[in-house]
Amino acid sequence: MQQLMTLLTGTLIARGRVLVKLNVAESALASVIELLPAMKSPTVSKLYGEDGFAVEAVVPKHTINTLIPALKDHGATDIIELPIAKIVP
């Protein structure tokens, strides 16, 4: 029963969130990270053969329409928004 409640809760939490993935140059990384209201903190990975970084974060769905333009204004490129089916805390 506890596992079922965890899965249901995870589904409800996910409904209000989306996954945002983007690329950013090292010079703009800090300003982009400041914009991301991640659950804990964004995941940042060095891009292979590049000077930039890949960043991903789970953010509130209701902020996405203003967040994406702000990210672009601060140097983010290749932005992808993905739906989330479930978040297991």
Protein backbone atom coordinates (compact mmCIF):
# COMPACT_ATOMS: atom_id res chain seq x y z
CA MET A 1 0.00 0.00 0.00
CA GLN A 2 2.86 2.39 0.85
CA GLN A 3 4.46 1.83 -2.57
CA LEU A 4 1.16 2.60 -4.30
CA MET A 5 0.81 5.85 -2.35
CA THR A 6 4.38 6.82 -3.24
CA LEU A 7 3.70 6.24 -6.95
CA LEU A 8 0.43 8.19 -6.83
CA THR A 9 2.11 11.05 -5.01
CA GLY A 10 4.92 11.00 -7.56
CA THR A 11 2.44 11.25 -10.40
CA LEU A 12 0.65 14.19 -8.78
CA ILE A 13 3.93 16.02 -8.14
CA ALA A 14 5.01 15.47 -11.76
CA ARG A 15 1.83 17.00 -13.18
CA GLY A 16 2.96 20.45 -12.16
CA ARG A 17 6.56 20.14 -13.35
CA VAL A 18 8.56 19.84 -16.58
CA LEU A 19 12.15 18.91 -17.32
CA VAL A 20 14.19 21.65 -18.99
CA LYS A 21 17.45 20.79 -20.77
CA LEU A 22 19.73 23.35 -22.35
CA ASN A 23 23.28 24.16 -23.37
CA VAL A 24 25.20 27.19 -22.18
CA ALA A 25 28.70 28.64 -22.52
CA GLU A 26 30.88 28.65 -19.43
CA SER A 27 30.79 32.46 -19.31
CA ALA A 28 26.98 32.45 -18.94
CA LEU A 29 26.62 29.37 -16.72
CA ALA A 30 26.25 31.18 -13.39
CA SER A 31 23.55 33.57 -14.63
CA VAL A 32 21.56 30.70 -16.19
CA ILE A 33 21.80 28.61 -13.01
CA GLU A 34 20.44 31.54 -10.96
CA LEU A 35 17.26 31.48 -13.08
CA LEU A 36 16.48 27.80 -12.58
CA PRO A 37 14.09 26.99 -9.72
CA ALA A 38 15.19 23.35 -9.59
CA MET A 39 13.83 20.82 -7.08
CA LYS A 40 17.25 20.61 -5.39
CA SER A 41 19.84 21.96 -7.80
CA PRO A 42 20.34 21.71 -11.57
CA THR A 43 22.45 18.95 -13.09
CA VAL A 44 25.43 20.42 -14.95
CA SER A 45 27.62 18.36 -17.30
CA LYS A 46 30.57 19.40 -19.44
CA LEU A 47 29.86 19.09 -23.17
CA TYR A 48 32.17 16.68 -24.98
CA GLY A 49 34.68 18.53 -27.13
CA GLU A 50 33.12 21.91 -26.34
CA ASP A 51 33.71 24.77 -23.94
CA GLY A 52 30.08 24.76 -22.81
CA PHE A 53 27.86 22.85 -20.44
CA ALA A 54 24.62 20.89 -20.60
CA VAL A 55 22.18 21.84 -17.84
CA GLU A 56 18.96 20.13 -16.79
CA ALA A 57 16.44 20.92 -14.08
CA VAL A 58 12.91 20.05 -13.05
CA VAL A 59 10.94 23.29 -12.87
CA PRO A 60 7.33 24.31 -12.18
CA LYS A 61 5.26 24.03 -15.35
CA HIS A 62 3.49 27.36 -14.75
CA THR A 63 6.83 29.24 -15.03
CA ILE A 64 8.01 27.73 -18.32
CA ASN A 65 6.55 30.39 -20.66
CA THR A 66 8.54 33.15 -18.96
CA LEU A 67 11.51 30.99 -18.00
CA ILE A 68 12.52 29.97 -21.54
CA PRO A 69 12.83 33.56 -22.86
CA ALA A 70 14.78 34.52 -19.72
CA LEU A 71 17.13 31.58 -20.21
CA LYS A 72 17.70 32.61 -23.84
CA ASP A 73 18.35 36.22 -22.76
CA HIS A 74 21.04 34.93 -20.37
CA GLY A 75 22.84 32.82 -23.00
CA ALA A 76 21.10 29.44 -22.98
CA THR A 77 20.78 27.63 -26.32
CA ASP A 78 19.28 24.37 -27.58
CA ILE A 79 16.50 24.50 -24.96
CA ILE A 80 14.26 21.45 -24.65
CA GLU A 81 11.13 21.16 -22.50
CA LEU A 82 10.03 17.61 -21.66
CA PRO A 83 6.94 16.36 -19.80
CA ILE A 84 7.46 14.28 -16.68
CA ALA A 85 5.29 11.24 -15.96
CA LYS A 86 6.38 10.61 -12.38
CA ILE A 87 8.70 11.93 -9.69
CA VAL A 88 9.61 9.45 -6.97
CA PRO A 89 10.75 11.30 -3.86
